[in-house]
Amino acid sequence: MARKEDYSSIGTVRIARSPRQSDHRNEVRVECGINQMVGLRCDDGHFLVPVGNVSPGGLMLRMPRQMRIGEEVAVGLGGGSVVSARICWVKGKRAGLEFKS
């Protein structure tokens, strides 16, 4: 039986700056403050990682290690919410995650 992860102590993502429109996306992204963290579960463990920005379709995280495009992860968004996501781009230790429906 799979164990349910408890991310309730992480909190929720709060908007720190105004939304901006990206050149290559149709979704609005919001930059997050330096203290906004989410739980990340991937193949090699669980991590608490800083959020760079968030949009309706995904988010950018500063990762604990180099990630692989296509890698599947779970993200704890606070309040017990855990969503599945896929790494869709990588630049250094920053990675773009697309929420899976």
C-alpha atoms as a PDB file:
ATOM      1  CA  MET A   1       0.000   0.000   0.000  1.00  0.00           C
ATOM      2  CA  ALA A   2       1.432   3.361  -1.005  1.00  0.00           C
ATOM      3  CA  ARG A   3       2.073   5.829   1.779  1.00  0.00           C
ATOM      4  CA  LYS A   4       0.386   9.221   1.468  1.00  0.00           C
ATOM      5  CA  GLU A   5       2.891  12.052   1.648  1.00  0.00           C
ATOM      6  CA  ASP A   6       2.170  14.857   4.117  1.00  0.00           C
ATOM      7  CA  TYR A   7       3.102  18.240   2.681  1.00  0.00           C
ATOM      8  CA  SER A   8       0.717  20.199   4.931  1.00  0.00           C
ATOM      9  CA  SER A   9       3.561  22.001   6.716  1.00  0.00           C
ATOM     10  CA  ILE A  10       4.914  23.414   3.459  1.00  0.00           C
ATOM     11  CA  GLY A  11       2.199  26.029   2.982  1.00  0.00           C
ATOM     12  CA  THR A  12       0.890  27.474  -0.214  1.00  0.00           C
ATOM     13  CA  VAL A  13       2.482  29.428  -3.029  1.00  0.00           C
ATOM     14  CA  ARG A  14       1.820  33.162  -2.760  1.00  0.00           C
ATOM     15  CA  ILE A  15       2.192  35.722  -5.526  1.00  0.00           C
ATOM     16  CA  ALA A  16       5.194  37.988  -4.990  1.00  0.00           C
ATOM     17  CA  ARG A  17       5.130  40.023  -8.220  1.00  0.00           C
ATOM     18  CA  SER A  18       2.781  40.852 -11.044  1.00  0.00           C
ATOM     19  CA  PRO A  19       2.024  38.203 -13.676  1.00  0.00           C
ATOM     20  CA  ARG A  20       4.037  38.309 -16.880  1.00  0.00           C
ATOM     21  CA  GLN A  21       3.399  36.950 -20.335  1.00  0.00           C
ATOM     22  CA  SER A  22       6.067  34.666 -21.789  1.00  0.00           C
ATOM     23  CA  ASP A  23       7.231  34.869 -25.398  1.00  0.00           C
ATOM     24  CA  HIS A  24       6.683  31.147 -26.010  1.00  0.00           C
ATOM     25  CA  ARG A  25       3.590  30.384 -23.941  1.00  0.00           C
ATOM     26  CA  ASN A  26      -0.002  31.459 -23.882  1.00  0.00           C
ATOM     27  CA  GLU A  27      -0.340  31.094 -20.110  1.00  0.00           C
ATOM     28  CA  VAL A  28       0.336  33.793 -17.544  1.00  0.00           C
ATOM     29  CA  ARG A  29       3.073  32.934 -15.042  1.00  0.00           C
ATOM     30  CA  VAL A  30       3.514  34.423 -11.590  1.00  0.00           C
ATOM     31  CA  GLU A  31       6.925  34.877 -10.045  1.00  0.00           C
ATOM     32  CA  CYS A  32       7.163  33.529  -6.497  1.00  0.00           C
ATOM     33  CA  GLY A  33       8.932  34.973  -3.506  1.00  0.00           C
ATOM     34  CA  ILE A  34      12.267  33.566  -2.414  1.00  0.00           C
ATOM     35  CA  ASN A  35      10.724  31.698   0.538  1.00  0.00           C
ATOM     36  CA  GLN A  36       8.097  29.760  -1.426  1.00  0.00           C
ATOM     37  CA  MET A  37       8.845  26.043  -1.279  1.00  0.00           C
ATOM     38  CA  VAL A  38       7.123  22.864  -2.417  1.00  0.00           C
ATOM     39  CA  GLY A  39       7.726  19.200  -1.714  1.00  0.00           C
ATOM     40  CA  LEU A  40       9.227  17.222  -4.591  1.00  0.00           C
ATOM     41  CA  ARG A  41       9.237  13.437  -4.880  1.00  0.00           C
ATOM     42  CA  CYS A  42      11.401  11.912  -7.624  1.00  0.00           C
ATOM     43  CA  ASP A  43      13.238   8.632  -8.240  1.00  0.00           C
ATOM     44  CA  ASP A  44      16.012   9.331  -5.760  1.00  0.00           C
ATOM     45  CA  GLY A  45      14.087  10.811  -2.837  1.00  0.00           C
ATOM     46  CA  HIS A  46      11.992  13.585  -1.351  1.00  0.00           C
ATOM     47  CA  PHE A  47      13.156  17.202  -1.352  1.00  0.00           C
ATOM     48  CA  LEU A  48      11.931  20.633  -0.303  1.00  0.00           C
ATOM     49  CA  VAL A  49      12.651  22.943  -3.268  1.00  0.00           C
ATOM     50  CA  PRO A  50      12.178  26.655  -4.062  1.00  0.00           C
ATOM     51  CA  VAL A  51       9.562  27.729  -6.597  1.00  0.00           C
ATOM     52  CA  GLY A  52      10.620  30.139  -9.354  1.00  0.00           C
ATOM     53  CA  ASN A  53       7.207  30.691 -10.939  1.00  0.00           C
ATOM     54  CA  VAL A  54       3.861  28.999 -11.353  1.00  0.00           C
ATOM     55  CA  SER A  55       1.206  28.945 -14.077  1.00  0.00           C
ATOM     56  CA  PRO A  56      -2.047  27.024 -14.559  1.00  0.00           C
ATOM     57  CA  GLY A  57      -0.143  24.376 -16.554  1.00  0.00           C
ATOM     58  CA  GLY A  58       2.970  23.925 -14.437  1.00  0.00           C
ATOM     59  CA  LEU A  59       5.795  25.539 -12.522  1.00  0.00           C
ATOM     60  CA  MET A  60       9.508  26.229 -12.565  1.00  0.00           C
ATOM     61  CA  LEU A  61      11.541  24.833  -9.691  1.00  0.00           C
ATOM     62  CA  ARG A  62      15.149  25.165  -8.602  1.00  0.00           C
ATOM     63  CA  MET A  63      16.050  21.498  -8.384  1.00  0.00           C
ATOM     64  CA  PRO A  64      18.405  19.690  -5.973  1.00  0.00           C
ATOM     65  CA  ARG A  65      20.116  17.954  -8.906  1.00  0.00           C
ATOM     66  CA  GLN A  66      20.182  17.913 -12.700  1.00  0.00           C
ATOM     67  CA  MET A  67      16.862  16.510 -13.929  1.00  0.00           C
ATOM     68  CA  ARG A  68      16.084  14.627 -17.151  1.00  0.00           C
ATOM     69  CA  ILE A  69      13.498  15.836 -19.647  1.00  0.00           C
ATOM     70  CA  GLY A  70      10.548  13.451 -19.491  1.00  0.00           C
ATOM     71  CA  GLU A  71      11.223  12.445 -15.864  1.00  0.00           C
ATOM     72  CA  GLU A  72       8.021  11.962 -13.838  1.00  0.00           C
ATOM     73  CA  VAL A  73       7.778  13.608 -10.396  1.00  0.00           C
ATOM     74  CA  ALA A  74       5.184  14.380  -7.724  1.00  0.00           C
ATOM     75  CA  VAL A  75       4.832  17.888  -6.300  1.00  0.00           C
ATOM     76  CA  GLY A  76       3.321  18.644  -2.886  1.00  0.00           C
ATOM     77  CA  LEU A  77       1.549  21.986  -3.074  1.00  0.00           C
ATOM     78  CA  GLY A  78       0.518  22.302   0.571  1.00  0.00           C
ATOM     79  CA  GLY A  79      -2.757  21.496   2.260  1.00  0.00           C
ATOM     80  CA  GLY A  80      -2.169  17.834   1.419  1.00  0.00           C
ATOM     81  CA  SER A  81      -2.432  18.378  -2.365  1.00  0.00           C
ATOM     82  CA  VAL A  82      -0.020  16.288  -4.416  1.00  0.00           C
ATOM     83  CA  VAL A  83       0.040  16.572  -8.218  1.00  0.00           C
ATOM     84  CA  SER A  84       1.876  14.546 -10.835  1.00  0.00           C
ATOM     85  CA  ALA A  85       4.146  16.425 -13.217  1.00  0.00           C
ATOM     86  CA  ARG A  86       6.648  15.809 -16.008  1.00  0.00           C
ATOM     87  CA  ILE A  87       9.954  17.620 -16.567  1.00  0.00           C
ATOM     88  CA  CYS A  88       9.541  19.463 -19.890  1.00  0.00           C
ATOM     89  CA  TRP A  89      12.722  21.598 -19.942  1.00  0.00           C
ATOM     90  CA  VAL A  90      15.979  21.843 -18.009  1.00  0.00           C
ATOM     91  CA  LYS A  91      18.528  24.653 -17.709  1.00  0.00           C
ATOM     92  CA  GLY A  92      21.203  23.914 -15.131  1.00  0.00           C
ATOM     93  CA  LYS A  93      19.403  23.074 -11.905  1.00  0.00           C
ATOM     94  CA  ARG A  94      16.250  24.913 -12.965  1.00  0.00           C
ATOM     95  CA  ALA A  95      13.505  22.815 -14.493  1.00  0.00           C
ATOM     96  CA  GLY A  96      10.091  23.441 -15.997  1.00  0.00           C
ATOM     97  CA  LEU A  97       7.399  21.022 -14.880  1.00  0.00           C
ATOM     98  CA  GLU A  98       4.153  20.416 -16.725  1.00  0.00           C
ATOM     99  CA  PHE A  99       1.228  19.264 -14.599  1.00  0.00           C
ATOM    100  CA  LYS A 100      -0.260  15.969 -15.784  1.00  0.00           C
ATOM    101  CA  SER A 101      -4.033  15.835 -16.171  1.00  0.00           C
END
